[in-house]
Amino acid sequence: FFFKITQINSMKNHLEEKDVHLSSGKGLSLYITISAAKGLQEIIKTNLGPRGSLKILVNSSGDIKITKEGSVLLREMQIQNPIASLIAKTIFSQKSYVGDGTTTKILLLGEVLKKMETYLENGVHPQILCEGIDLGRRELERWLPSEGYQIKIDKKALLNVAYSVVSTKINAKIAEKMSKILVEAILTIFQKGHQLDLNMIEIMQIENHNEMDSRWVKGIVLDHGARHPDMPKLVNNAFILLCNASLEYEKTDLNSRFVVSSTFQNENLFTKERQLIDKKIHKIIQLKRFVCKDKNRNFVVINQKGIDSHALDLLAKEGILGIRRAKRRNMERISVLCNCIPINSFDDLSTDCLGYAGLIYEQEIGEEKYTFIENVTNPFSGTILIKGKNSILRKQIEDSIKNTLKTLKECIENQGILKGGGEIEMQASEHLINYSKKIKGKKKFGVEGLGLALLIIPKTLIHNSGKFDSKNSFELSSPMNSLGSYVKKFKNQSIFDCFSVKKKIYDSVCLLSCQLLLIDDIIMGKGM
């Protein structure tokens, strides 16, 4: 995808026709800035809302990605215009702590600069307009809390917020399923008085014919199973031993060699190595017999390093489930979930190192084996299993999940929501327009332009929904009354937005607009 700007000569002619009293270079740079923002807006605006369209991204190697995520488009698009590239990088960098609202930011930013363009053509200085936009931003900060609702951290309120976010990115049926999974996940890791750590939620993709089989596992899922056919596939009331010690033949860390003069010496060397590994295995077996005197108790060994076939055979004969080459991040999460103490040497082996899980079982999905660890002693973590027919759909669901989790985190930490579906923008627009009438001087144009720009959200939602025909589409350009009737006709009372996310969206749009309006020239730097 290539983002192109209008040719320089046509821009100059446009400025001359509009009788813009600015020097050719300064006026042209400002016009390029506004055109860049409007160009990004035209590309992204059809994606807004649950009825928004999809985009196909094709990279240089031919890989295809289907998405309507504004953040994904900004990250993956090839943008040549320097101002558009600046806007994309700035907005994408803010996504990491806001989570949602990338598409809304692009739309608002393009519309604010579009409104400011009218005032610039009438001779209003950009600095005056920036002061007006800043006044509007501060008024929005003062006014927004009065329109917010304080919520309790319960399942019903969070479901409304989660569905409002997820439904704008994926299919409504899948969104309903995912919103329930996400709320269950966020409530699992929530601990009063502690900061939410989204890293405690792992997201795993599994190839499956039905997306509705996706689920939340209050535990951990390992992407491999046992490596011995005789090991138990399901164990209850299991003690867990976590270790990071080799149970197989190992090569030395340094370059070295053993020189033997006879076959007997060679066999003796192998015997000593075998005895060393068997000694470690027998220590594990003795510990298992000590703690599993009751027949209802079981024992599981999870090793970050390898376990050779002979050691696996000894463990299987004793009824021990052995899992080798576990990932480090999974070892860390298991130690938290099951209250285990990982060991690096079997000399430190004791009952104090053992953890506990109520249910461990192996499941084969497709051609892959997975190990599920559930009913853990410290259930403040888990795994979201995303199932789908193809990798494109699963990746689309994963992107929406990550954004929604950040939004839910903001919602829980601030415990505030606002009306969604474009209703809060309608009210904010009306408030800013009325507020601008009280301001003397040309600063009021900045406040008024910001208020009018907010209407782009309900206008675009209505346009993308297809709820109007060409005969009455002209009403969308009229300010409040006709647009309000459309919003009331099609709004859903259960649609809510996170208060802190909306506040950050408005703040960042206002600040970025002021920065862009003050760009008066584009200069090529050294080494570029």
Protein backbone atom coordinates (compact mmCIF):
# COMPACT_ATOMS: atom_id res chain seq x y z
CA PHE A 1 0.00 0.00 0.00
CA PHE A 2 1.35 3.42 -0.97
CA PHE A 3 0.15 6.66 0.58
CA LYS A 4 0.47 9.43 -2.05
CA ILE A 5 0.04 13.20 -1.74
CA THR A 6 -1.20 15.75 -4.30
CA GLN A 7 1.41 17.18 -6.59
CA ILE A 8 3.08 20.41 -5.50
CA ASN A 9 1.87 22.50 -8.45
CA SER A 10 -1.76 21.58 -7.89
CA MET A 11 -1.37 22.46 -4.17
CA LYS A 12 -0.04 25.91 -5.05
CA ASN A 13 -2.93 26.49 -7.44
CA HIS A 14 -5.38 25.38 -4.76
CA LEU A 15 -3.89 27.82 -2.25
CA GLU A 16 -3.98 30.65 -4.78
CA GLU A 17 -7.62 29.93 -5.64
CA LYS A 18 -8.55 30.02 -1.95
CA ASP A 19 -6.62 33.30 -1.55
CA VAL A 20 -4.59 32.04 1.42
CA HIS A 21 -2.39 34.92 2.60
CA LEU A 22 0.62 32.80 3.57
CA SER A 23 4.02 32.50 1.95
CA SER A 24 4.11 29.73 -0.67
CA GLY A 25 6.44 27.48 1.33
CA LYS A 26 4.69 27.90 4.68
CA GLY A 27 1.19 27.56 3.25
CA LEU A 28 2.19 24.49 1.24
CA SER A 29 3.71 22.71 4.27
CA LEU A 30 0.59 23.32 6.32
CA TYR A 31 -1.59 22.10 3.47
CA ILE A 32 0.50 18.92 3.13
CA THR A 33 0.05 18.32 6.88
CA ILE A 34 -3.73 18.66 6.68
CA SER A 35 -3.91 16.56 3.50
CA ALA A 36 -1.92 13.76 5.17
CA ALA A 37 -4.32 13.62 8.12
CA LYS A 38 -7.35 13.70 5.82
CA GLY A 39 -5.85 10.96 3.65
CA LEU A 40 -5.36 8.62 6.62
CA GLN A 41 -8.91 9.42 7.73
CA GLU A 42 -10.34 8.44 4.34
CA ILE A 43 -8.53 5.10 4.45
CA ILE A 44 -9.43 4.16 8.03
CA LYS A 45 -12.97 5.55 8.46
CA THR A 46 -14.76 2.65 6.77
CA ASN A 47 -13.39 0.33 9.49
CA LEU A 48 -15.12 2.06 12.41
CA GLY A 49 -17.83 0.25 14.34
CA PRO A 50 -19.27 -3.27 14.30
CA ARG A 51 -20.45 -2.82 10.68
CA GLY A 52 -17.06 -1.53 9.50
CA SER A 53 -15.36 -3.06 6.49
CA LEU A 54 -12.15 -5.11 6.37
CA LYS A 55 -8.80 -4.36 4.76
CA ILE A 56 -6.35 -6.79 3.16
CA LEU A 57 -2.67 -6.16 3.81
CA VAL A 58 -0.17 -7.74 1.42
CA ASN A 59 3.53 -7.50 2.26
CA SER A 60 6.52 -7.74 -0.07
CA SER A 61 6.81 -11.52 0.40
CA GLY A 62 3.16 -12.06 -0.52
CA ASP A 63 1.82 -12.79 2.99
CA ILE A 64 -1.81 -11.74 3.43
CA LYS A 65 -3.48 -10.35 6.54
CA ILE A 66 -7.18 -9.46 6.81
CA THR A 67 -7.99 -6.92 9.53
CA LYS A 68 -10.03 -3.90 10.55
CA GLU A 69 -7.74 -3.01 13.45
CA GLY A 70 -6.57 0.58 13.11
CA SER A 71 -3.38 -0.17 15.03
CA VAL A 72 -2.51 -3.11 12.76
CA LEU A 73 -3.08 -0.99 9.65
CA LEU A 74 -0.89 1.83 10.97
CA ARG A 75 1.86 -0.62 11.88
CA GLU A 76 1.81 -2.67 8.67
CA MET A 77 0.98 -0.09 5.99
CA GLN A 78 3.77 1.31 3.86
CA ILE A 79 3.43 5.08 4.27
CA GLN A 80 5.62 7.42 2.21
CA ASN A 81 4.25 10.82 3.26
CA PRO A 82 6.47 12.04 6.18
CA ILE A 83 3.59 13.74 8.02
CA ALA A 84 1.32 10.70 7.65
CA SER A 85 4.18 8.50 8.87
CA LEU A 86 4.63 10.79 11.90
CA ILE A 87 0.91 10.59 12.70
CA ALA A 88 0.88 6.79 12.36
CA LYS A 89 3.93 6.28 14.60
CA THR A 90 2.67 8.71 17.25
CA ILE A 91 -0.79 7.17 17.49
CA PHE A 92 0.53 3.60 17.38
CA SER A 93 3.01 4.30 20.20
CA GLN A 94 0.12 5.48 22.42
CA LYS A 95 -1.78 2.25 21.75
CA SER A 96 0.52 0.28 24.08
CA TYR A 97 -0.97 1.84 27.22
CA VAL A 98 -4.45 2.80 25.95
CA GLY A 99 -5.29 -0.41 24.09
CA ASP A 100 -8.32 0.71 22.12
CA GLY A 101 -9.33 3.76 20.08
CA THR A 102 -6.73 3.90 17.29
CA THR A 103 -9.36 4.22 14.54
CA THR A 104 -11.24 6.86 16.55
CA LYS A 105 -8.06 8.90 16.94
CA ILE A 106 -7.36 8.88 13.20
CA LEU A 107 -10.92 9.97 12.41
CA LEU A 108 -10.97 12.75 15.02
CA LEU A 109 -7.52 14.03 14.07
CA GLY A 110 -8.40 14.20 10.37
CA GLU A 111 -11.70 15.94 11.09
CA VAL A 112 -10.18 18.47 13.51
CA LEU A 113 -7.57 19.50 10.93
CA LYS A 114 -10.25 19.58 8.23
CA LYS A 115 -12.29 22.05 10.32
CA MET A 116 -9.19 24.09 11.12
CA GLU A 117 -8.42 24.34 7.39
CA THR A 118 -11.59 26.42 6.90
CA TYR A 119 -10.51 28.91 9.57
CA LEU A 120 -6.95 29.04 8.21
CA GLU A 121 -8.27 29.96 4.76
CA ASN A 122 -10.16 32.81 6.38
CA GLY A 123 -6.93 34.22 7.81
CA VAL A 124 -6.99 32.90 11.40
CA HIS A 125 -3.43 32.24 12.64
CA PRO A 126 -2.57 28.61 13.58
CA GLN A 127 -1.31 29.71 17.01
CA ILE A 128 -4.73 31.21 17.84
CA LEU A 129 -6.46 28.02 16.71
CA CYS A 130 -4.10 25.94 18.87
CA GLU A 131 -4.99 28.05 21.91
CA GLY A 132 -8.67 27.48 21.13
CA ILE A 133 -8.18 23.70 20.78
CA ASP A 134 -6.36 23.67 24.13
CA LEU A 135 -9.28 25.54 25.72
CA GLY A 136 -11.65 22.93 24.32
CA ARG A 137 -9.44 20.11 25.63
CA ARG A 138 -9.46 21.52 29.14
CA GLU A 139 -13.21 22.04 29.00
CA LEU A 140 -13.69 18.43 27.91
CA GLU A 141 -11.54 17.27 30.87
CA ARG A 142 -13.73 19.28 33.21
CA TRP A 143 -17.03 18.18 31.63
CA LEU A 144 -16.45 14.46 30.95
CA PRO A 145 -16.55 13.25 34.61
CA SER A 146 -20.09 14.64 34.92
CA GLU A 147 -21.23 12.30 32.12
CA GLY A 148 -19.44 9.21 33.42
CA TYR A 149 -20.81 6.36 35.49
CA GLN A 150 -19.05 4.72 38.38
CA ILE A 151 -19.30 0.95 38.16
CA LYS A 152 -18.71 -1.91 40.52
CA ILE A 153 -16.19 -4.51 39.41
CA ASP A 154 -18.73 -7.15 38.47
CA LYS A 155 -19.30 -9.46 35.53
CA LYS A 156 -22.32 -7.69 34.03
CA ALA A 157 -20.76 -4.23 33.71
CA LEU A 158 -17.47 -5.59 32.34
CA LEU A 159 -19.34 -7.76 29.82
CA ASN A 160 -20.97 -4.66 28.32
CA VAL A 161 -17.61 -2.89 27.99
CA ALA A 162 -15.87 -5.98 26.59
CA TYR A 163 -18.58 -6.64 24.01
CA SER A 164 -18.62 -2.97 22.96
CA VAL A 165 -14.90 -3.23 22.13
CA VAL A 166 -14.69 -6.75 20.67
CA SER A 167 -17.80 -6.41 18.48
CA THR A 168 -16.14 -3.58 16.53
CA LYS A 169 -13.31 -5.89 15.47
CA ILE A 170 -14.71 -9.39 14.86
CA ASN A 171 -17.94 -11.20 14.02
CA ALA A 172 -20.81 -10.53 16.47
CA LYS A 173 -21.33 -14.22 17.33
CA ILE A 174 -17.64 -14.77 18.05
CA ALA A 175 -17.48 -11.40 19.86
CA GLU A 176 -20.16 -12.50 22.31
CA LYS A 177 -18.23 -15.67 23.10
CA MET A 178 -14.90 -13.85 23.40
CA SER A 179 -16.30 -11.11 25.64
CA LYS A 180 -17.37 -13.74 28.18
CA ILE A 181 -13.94 -15.38 28.02
CA LEU A 182 -12.15 -12.04 28.46
CA VAL A 183 -14.23 -10.97 31.45
CA GLU A 184 -13.66 -14.33 33.12
CA ALA A 185 -9.93 -13.99 32.43
CA ILE A 186 -9.61 -10.45 33.79
CA LEU A 187 -11.61 -11.31 36.93
CA THR A 188 -9.36 -14.35 37.48
CA ILE A 189 -6.16 -12.28 37.65
CA PHE A 190 -7.80 -9.42 39.56
CA GLN A 191 -6.66 -9.14 43.18
CA LYS A 192 -7.89 -6.24 45.26
CA GLY A 193 -5.03 -3.97 46.25
CA HIS A 194 -2.71 -5.32 43.53
CA GLN A 195 -2.00 -3.96 40.08
CA LEU A 196 -3.36 -6.02 37.20
CA ASP A 197 -0.64 -7.91 35.35
CA LEU A 198 -1.85 -8.89 31.88
CA ASN A 199 1.24 -11.08 31.45
CA MET A 200 -0.49 -13.59 33.70
CA ILE A 201 -2.90 -14.26 30.82
CA GLU A 202 -1.38 -16.39 28.09
CA ILE A 203 -2.96 -16.50 24.63
CA MET A 204 -2.54 -19.71 22.64
CA GLN A 205 -3.75 -20.48 19.12
CA ILE A 206 -4.99 -23.98 18.27
CA GLU A 207 -6.12 -25.12 14.84
CA ASN A 208 -9.73 -26.28 15.04
CA HIS A 209 -12.76 -26.37 12.76
CA ASN A 210 -14.97 -24.28 15.06
CA GLU A 211 -14.11 -20.85 16.52
CA MET A 212 -16.86 -21.22 19.13
CA ASP A 213 -14.81 -23.94 20.85
CA SER A 214 -12.43 -21.27 22.15
CA ARG A 215 -12.34 -21.21 25.94
CA TRP A 216 -10.66 -19.92 29.09
CA VAL A 217 -8.52 -22.35 31.07
CA LYS A 218 -8.00 -21.36 34.70
CA GLY A 219 -4.56 -22.88 34.78
CA ILE A 220 -1.89 -23.41 32.15
CA VAL A 221 -1.69 -25.23 28.84
CA LEU A 222 1.62 -26.70 27.64
CA ASP A 223 2.02 -27.08 23.90
CA HIS A 224 3.35 -30.65 24.16
CA GLY A 225 2.56 -33.86 26.01
CA ALA A 226 4.42 -36.75 27.61
CA ARG A 227 7.07 -38.46 25.48
CA HIS A 228 6.31 -42.03 26.60
CA PRO A 229 3.25 -44.04 25.49
CA ASP A 230 2.87 -45.82 28.85
CA MET A 231 2.70 -42.68 30.95
CA PRO A 232 -0.73 -41.76 32.38
CA LYS A 233 -2.83 -39.42 30.23
CA LEU A 234 -4.90 -38.13 33.16
CA VAL A 235 -3.88 -37.68 36.80
CA ASN A 236 -5.80 -36.25 39.75
CA ASN A 237 -4.45 -34.81 43.01
CA ALA A 238 -0.94 -34.53 41.63
CA PHE A 239 2.24 -33.36 43.30
CA ILE A 240 4.38 -31.39 40.84
CA LEU A 241 8.18 -31.32 40.75
CA LEU A 242 9.70 -28.51 38.69
CA CYS A 243 13.35 -28.95 37.79
CA ASN A 244 15.94 -27.41 35.53
CA ALA A 245 18.45 -30.26 35.55
CA SER A 246 19.45 -32.60 32.78
CA LEU A 247 18.20 -36.20 32.88
CA GLU A 248 19.99 -37.29 29.71
CA TYR A 249 23.50 -37.59 28.28
CA GLU A 250 24.97 -34.14 27.87
CA LYS A 251 27.81 -32.68 25.90
CA THR A 252 30.34 -30.67 27.84
CA ASP A 253 30.08 -26.87 27.80
CA LEU A 254 33.78 -26.61 26.88
CA ASN A 255 35.64 -28.22 24.02
CA SER A 256 36.99 -31.45 25.46
CA ARG A 257 37.41 -35.11 24.63
CA PHE A 258 37.87 -38.45 26.33
CA VAL A 259 40.61 -40.72 25.02
CA VAL A 260 40.11 -44.43 25.66
CA SER A 261 42.49 -47.25 24.81
CA SER A 262 40.06 -50.15 24.88
CA THR A 263 36.39 -51.09 24.43
CA PHE A 264 36.19 -51.90 28.14
CA GLN A 265 37.08 -48.30 29.07
CA ASN A 266 34.48 -47.00 26.65
CA GLU A 267 31.76 -49.21 28.10
CA ASN A 268 32.82 -48.25 31.61
CA LEU A 269 32.40 -44.57 30.71
CA PHE A 270 28.88 -45.17 29.41
CA THR A 271 28.02 -47.17 32.52
CA LYS A 272 29.14 -44.36 34.82
CA GLU A 273 27.06 -41.83 32.88
CA ARG A 274 24.03 -44.14 33.02
CA GLN A 275 24.47 -44.65 36.77
CA LEU A 276 24.63 -40.90 37.32
CA ILE A 277 21.28 -40.35 35.54
CA ASP A 278 19.67 -43.39 37.17
CA LYS A 279 20.70 -42.07 40.59
CA LYS A 280 18.78 -38.86 39.92
CA ILE A 281 15.74 -40.82 38.71
CA HIS A 282 15.76 -43.06 41.80
CA LYS A 283 15.76 -39.95 44.02
CA ILE A 284 12.61 -38.77 42.21
CA ILE A 285 11.01 -42.21 42.58
CA GLN A 286 11.82 -42.32 46.33
CA LEU A 287 10.27 -38.89 46.82
CA LYS A 288 7.18 -39.99 44.91
CA ARG A 289 6.78 -43.11 47.09
CA PHE A 290 7.16 -41.00 50.21
CA VAL A 291 4.47 -38.39 49.37
CA CYS A 292 2.10 -40.69 47.43
CA LYS A 293 1.37 -43.33 50.06
CA ASP A 294 -2.31 -42.81 49.34
CA LYS A 295 -3.37 -44.44 46.03
CA ASN A 296 -5.40 -41.34 45.12
CA ARG A 297 -2.19 -39.28 44.94
CA ASN A 298 -0.10 -38.92 41.80
CA PHE A 299 3.23 -37.44 40.82
CA VAL A 300 4.30 -35.25 37.86
CA VAL A 301 7.81 -34.17 36.81
CA ILE A 302 8.19 -31.12 34.56
CA ASN A 303 11.75 -30.51 33.41
CA GLN A 304 13.06 -27.51 31.49
CA LYS A 305 15.86 -29.67 30.11
CA GLY A 306 15.76 -33.13 28.53
CA ILE A 307 14.79 -36.58 29.82
CA ASP A 308 16.20 -39.54 27.89
CA SER A 309 14.18 -42.58 26.84
CA HIS A 310 15.56 -44.89 29.56
CA ALA A 311 14.71 -42.34 32.27
CA LEU A 312 11.21 -41.91 30.80
CA ASP A 313 10.78 -45.67 30.91
CA LEU A 314 11.70 -45.80 34.62
CA LEU A 315 9.28 -42.97 35.39
CA ALA A 316 6.48 -44.63 33.39
CA LYS A 317 6.91 -47.93 35.29
CA GLU A 318 6.45 -45.99 38.53
CA GLY A 319 3.30 -44.25 37.17
CA ILE A 320 4.95 -40.83 37.06
CA LEU A 321 4.00 -38.38 34.31
CA GLY A 322 7.21 -36.86 32.92
CA ILE A 323 7.22 -33.75 30.68
CA ARG A 324 10.50 -32.52 29.22
CA ARG A 325 11.77 -29.34 27.54
CA ALA A 326 9.14 -27.03 29.02
CA LYS A 327 9.45 -23.36 28.09
CA ARG A 328 10.92 -21.01 30.66
CA ARG A 329 7.86 -18.75 30.78
CA ASN A 330 5.67 -21.80 31.45
CA MET A 331 8.00 -22.92 34.24
CA GLU A 332 7.66 -19.49 35.87
CA ARG A 333 3.87 -19.52 35.63
CA ILE A 334 3.59 -23.09 36.95
CA SER A 335 5.71 -22.16 39.96
CA VAL A 336 3.27 -19.31 40.74
CA LEU A 337 0.08 -21.24 40.01
CA CYS A 338 1.01 -24.45 41.85
CA ASN A 339 3.28 -22.99 44.57
CA CYS A 340 6.30 -24.94 43.35
CA ILE A 341 9.95 -24.18 44.01
CA PRO A 342 12.04 -25.01 40.90
CA ILE A 343 15.27 -26.87 41.62
CA ASN A 344 18.54 -26.83 39.66
CA SER A 345 20.10 -29.82 41.39
CA PHE A 346 18.65 -33.04 42.76
CA ASP A 347 20.77 -32.61 45.89
CA ASP A 348 18.17 -30.01 46.95
CA LEU A 349 15.26 -32.41 46.50
CA SER A 350 12.68 -32.27 49.31
CA THR A 351 8.94 -32.17 49.88
CA ASP A 352 9.10 -28.37 50.32
CA CYS A 353 9.85 -28.02 46.59
CA LEU A 354 6.64 -29.74 45.50
CA GLY A 355 3.58 -27.98 44.16
CA TYR A 356 0.04 -29.26 43.72
CA ALA A 357 -2.65 -29.36 41.04
CA GLY A 358 -6.04 -31.07 41.19
CA LEU A 359 -6.19 -32.11 37.55
CA ILE A 360 -3.55 -32.70 34.86
CA TYR A 361 -4.46 -34.31 31.56
CA GLU A 362 -3.17 -34.69 28.03
CA GLN A 363 -5.39 -33.88 25.06
CA GLU A 364 -4.72 -34.42 21.38
CA ILE A 365 -6.10 -31.65 19.15
CA GLY A 366 -5.52 -32.22 15.47
CA GLU A 367 -2.00 -33.58 15.12
CA GLU A 368 -0.66 -31.82 18.22
CA LYS A 369 -0.66 -32.87 21.88
CA TYR A 370 -1.34 -30.44 24.73
CA THR A 371 -1.05 -30.83 28.49
CA PHE A 372 -3.65 -29.05 30.63
CA ILE A 373 -2.93 -28.19 34.27
CA GLU A 374 -6.11 -27.13 36.10
CA ASN A 375 -7.56 -26.83 39.61
CA VAL A 376 -4.36 -25.19 40.79
CA THR A 377 -3.74 -23.95 44.34
CA ASN A 378 -3.10 -20.32 43.36
CA PRO A 379 -5.59 -19.62 40.52
CA PHE A 380 -4.55 -16.08 39.55
CA SER A 381 -3.45 -16.88 36.03
CA GLY A 382 -4.74 -18.75 33.01
CA THR A 383 -4.69 -19.41 29.29
CA ILE A 384 -7.04 -18.25 26.54
CA LEU A 385 -7.34 -20.93 23.87
CA ILE A 386 -8.15 -19.43 20.47
CA LYS A 387 -9.49 -22.03 18.09
CA GLY A 388 -10.14 -21.38 14.42
CA LYS A 389 -10.05 -22.79 10.92
CA ASN A 390 -7.17 -20.70 9.62
CA SER A 391 -4.31 -18.62 10.96
CA ILE A 392 -5.69 -15.33 9.50
CA LEU A 393 -8.90 -15.57 11.55
CA ARG A 394 -7.06 -16.69 14.69
CA LYS A 395 -4.61 -13.78 14.41
CA GLN A 396 -7.51 -11.34 13.96
CA ILE A 397 -9.15 -12.68 17.13
CA GLU A 398 -5.84 -12.53 19.03
CA ASP A 399 -5.29 -8.85 18.11
CA SER A 400 -8.79 -7.94 19.30
CA ILE A 401 -8.27 -9.88 22.55
CA LYS A 402 -5.06 -8.01 23.39
CA ASN A 403 -6.68 -4.61 22.84
CA THR A 404 -9.79 -5.51 24.82
CA LEU A 405 -7.75 -6.78 27.78
CA LYS A 406 -5.97 -3.41 28.01
CA THR A 407 -9.32 -1.60 27.88
CA LEU A 408 -10.77 -3.80 30.63
CA LYS A 409 -7.67 -3.17 32.73
CA GLU A 410 -8.19 0.61 32.37
CA CYS A 411 -11.88 0.18 33.21
CA ILE A 412 -11.17 -1.78 36.40
CA GLU A 413 -8.41 0.57 37.59
CA ASN A 414 -10.52 3.73 37.04
CA GLN A 415 -13.99 2.19 37.55
CA GLY A 416 -15.63 4.63 35.11
CA ILE A 417 -17.62 4.20 31.88
CA LEU A 418 -19.27 6.50 29.33
CA LYS A 419 -22.14 6.07 26.89
CA GLY A 420 -20.95 4.48 23.66
CA GLY A 421 -22.20 4.28 20.11
CA GLY A 422 -21.39 7.93 19.35
CA GLU A 423 -23.73 9.30 22.02
CA ILE A 424 -21.01 10.84 24.19
CA GLU A 425 -19.51 12.56 21.13
CA MET A 426 -22.94 14.05 20.35
CA GLN A 427 -23.22 15.47 23.85
CA ALA A 428 -19.61 16.66 23.93
CA SER A 429 -20.06 18.41 20.57
CA GLU A 430 -23.15 20.25 21.74
CA HIS A 431 -21.43 21.27 24.97
CA LEU A 432 -18.31 22.62 23.20
CA ILE A 433 -20.35 24.57 20.63
CA ASN A 434 -22.33 26.22 23.43
CA TYR A 435 -19.11 26.86 25.35
CA SER A 436 -17.48 28.52 22.32
CA LYS A 437 -20.25 31.15 22.27
CA LYS A 438 -19.05 32.39 25.67
CA ILE A 439 -15.47 32.93 24.46
CA LYS A 440 -14.43 36.29 23.04
CA GLY A 441 -11.96 36.64 20.20
CA LYS A 442 -10.81 34.21 17.53
CA LYS A 443 -9.95 31.47 20.05
CA LYS A 444 -13.60 30.45 19.93
CA PHE A 445 -13.03 29.08 16.41
CA GLY A 446 -10.66 26.45 17.78
CA VAL A 447 -13.25 25.32 20.36
CA GLU A 448 -16.05 25.40 17.81
CA GLY A 449 -14.02 23.42 15.27
CA LEU A 450 -13.18 20.79 17.90
CA GLY A 451 -16.87 20.49 18.80
CA LEU A 452 -17.94 20.06 15.17
CA ALA A 453 -15.14 17.54 14.56
CA LEU A 454 -16.49 15.22 17.29
CA LEU A 455 -19.59 14.60 15.16
CA ILE A 456 -17.49 12.54 12.74
CA ILE A 457 -17.80 9.51 15.08
CA PRO A 458 -21.64 9.18 15.05
CA LYS A 459 -21.72 10.18 11.36
CA THR A 460 -19.27 7.44 10.42
CA LEU A 461 -20.99 4.83 12.61
CA ILE A 462 -24.30 5.56 10.91
CA HIS A 463 -22.74 5.60 7.46
CA ASN A 464 -20.96 2.25 8.00
CA SER A 465 -24.10 0.64 9.45
CA GLY A 466 -26.02 1.12 6.18
CA LYS A 467 -29.10 2.25 8.12
CA PHE A 468 -29.93 5.06 5.72
CA ASP A 469 -30.43 5.42 1.99
CA SER A 470 -29.30 8.01 -0.53
CA LYS A 471 -32.52 10.01 -0.19
CA ASN A 472 -31.89 11.01 3.43
CA SER A 473 -28.10 10.79 3.54
CA PHE A 474 -27.88 14.58 3.15
CA GLU A 475 -29.17 14.91 6.71
CA LEU A 476 -25.86 13.57 8.02
CA SER A 477 -24.21 16.84 7.09
CA SER A 478 -26.61 18.90 9.21
CA PRO A 479 -25.44 19.47 12.77
CA MET A 480 -27.44 18.24 15.75
CA ASN A 481 -31.14 17.58 15.31
CA SER A 482 -31.21 15.18 12.36
CA LEU A 483 -28.04 13.39 13.50
CA GLY A 484 -29.45 13.02 17.02
CA SER A 485 -32.57 11.36 15.65
CA TYR A 486 -30.42 8.78 13.83
CA VAL A 487 -28.35 8.02 16.94
CA LYS A 488 -31.44 7.60 19.11
CA LYS A 489 -33.06 5.39 16.49
CA PHE A 490 -30.18 2.94 16.23
CA LYS A 491 -28.37 3.21 19.57
CA ASN A 492 -28.07 0.33 22.00
CA GLN A 493 -28.34 1.16 25.68
CA SER A 494 -25.86 -1.59 26.58
CA ILE A 495 -22.98 -0.05 24.61
CA PHE A 496 -20.39 1.58 26.87
CA ASP A 497 -16.88 2.93 26.50
CA CYS A 498 -14.16 3.08 29.13
CA PHE A 499 -13.91 6.56 30.66
CA SER A 500 -10.12 6.70 30.89
CA VAL A 501 -9.68 5.43 27.30
CA LYS A 502 -12.02 8.12 25.93
CA LYS A 503 -10.30 10.81 27.97
CA LYS A 504 -6.88 9.76 26.66
CA ILE A 505 -8.21 9.71 23.09
CA TYR A 506 -9.47 13.29 23.33
CA ASP A 507 -6.29 14.49 25.03
CA SER A 508 -3.96 12.91 22.49
CA VAL A 509 -6.00 14.15 19.50
CA CYS A 510 -6.03 17.73 20.79
CA LEU A 511 -2.32 17.76 21.61
CA LEU A 512 -1.32 16.15 18.32
CA SER A 513 -3.54 18.55 16.35
CA CYS A 514 -1.82 21.52 17.97
CA GLN A 515 1.61 20.10 17.14
CA LEU A 516 0.68 19.48 13.50
CA LEU A 517 -0.85 22.92 13.02
CA LEU A 518 2.43 24.52 14.08
CA ILE A 519 4.44 22.72 11.36
CA ASP A 520 5.37 25.47 8.89
CA ASP A 521 8.02 23.72 6.83
CA ILE A 522 9.31 20.25 5.90
CA ILE A 523 13.11 20.05 5.70
CA MET A 524 15.26 17.11 4.64
CA GLY A 525 17.83 16.32 7.35
CA LYS A 526 21.38 15.01 7.05
CA GLY A 527 21.87 11.31 6.43
CA MET A 528 18.27 10.83 5.30
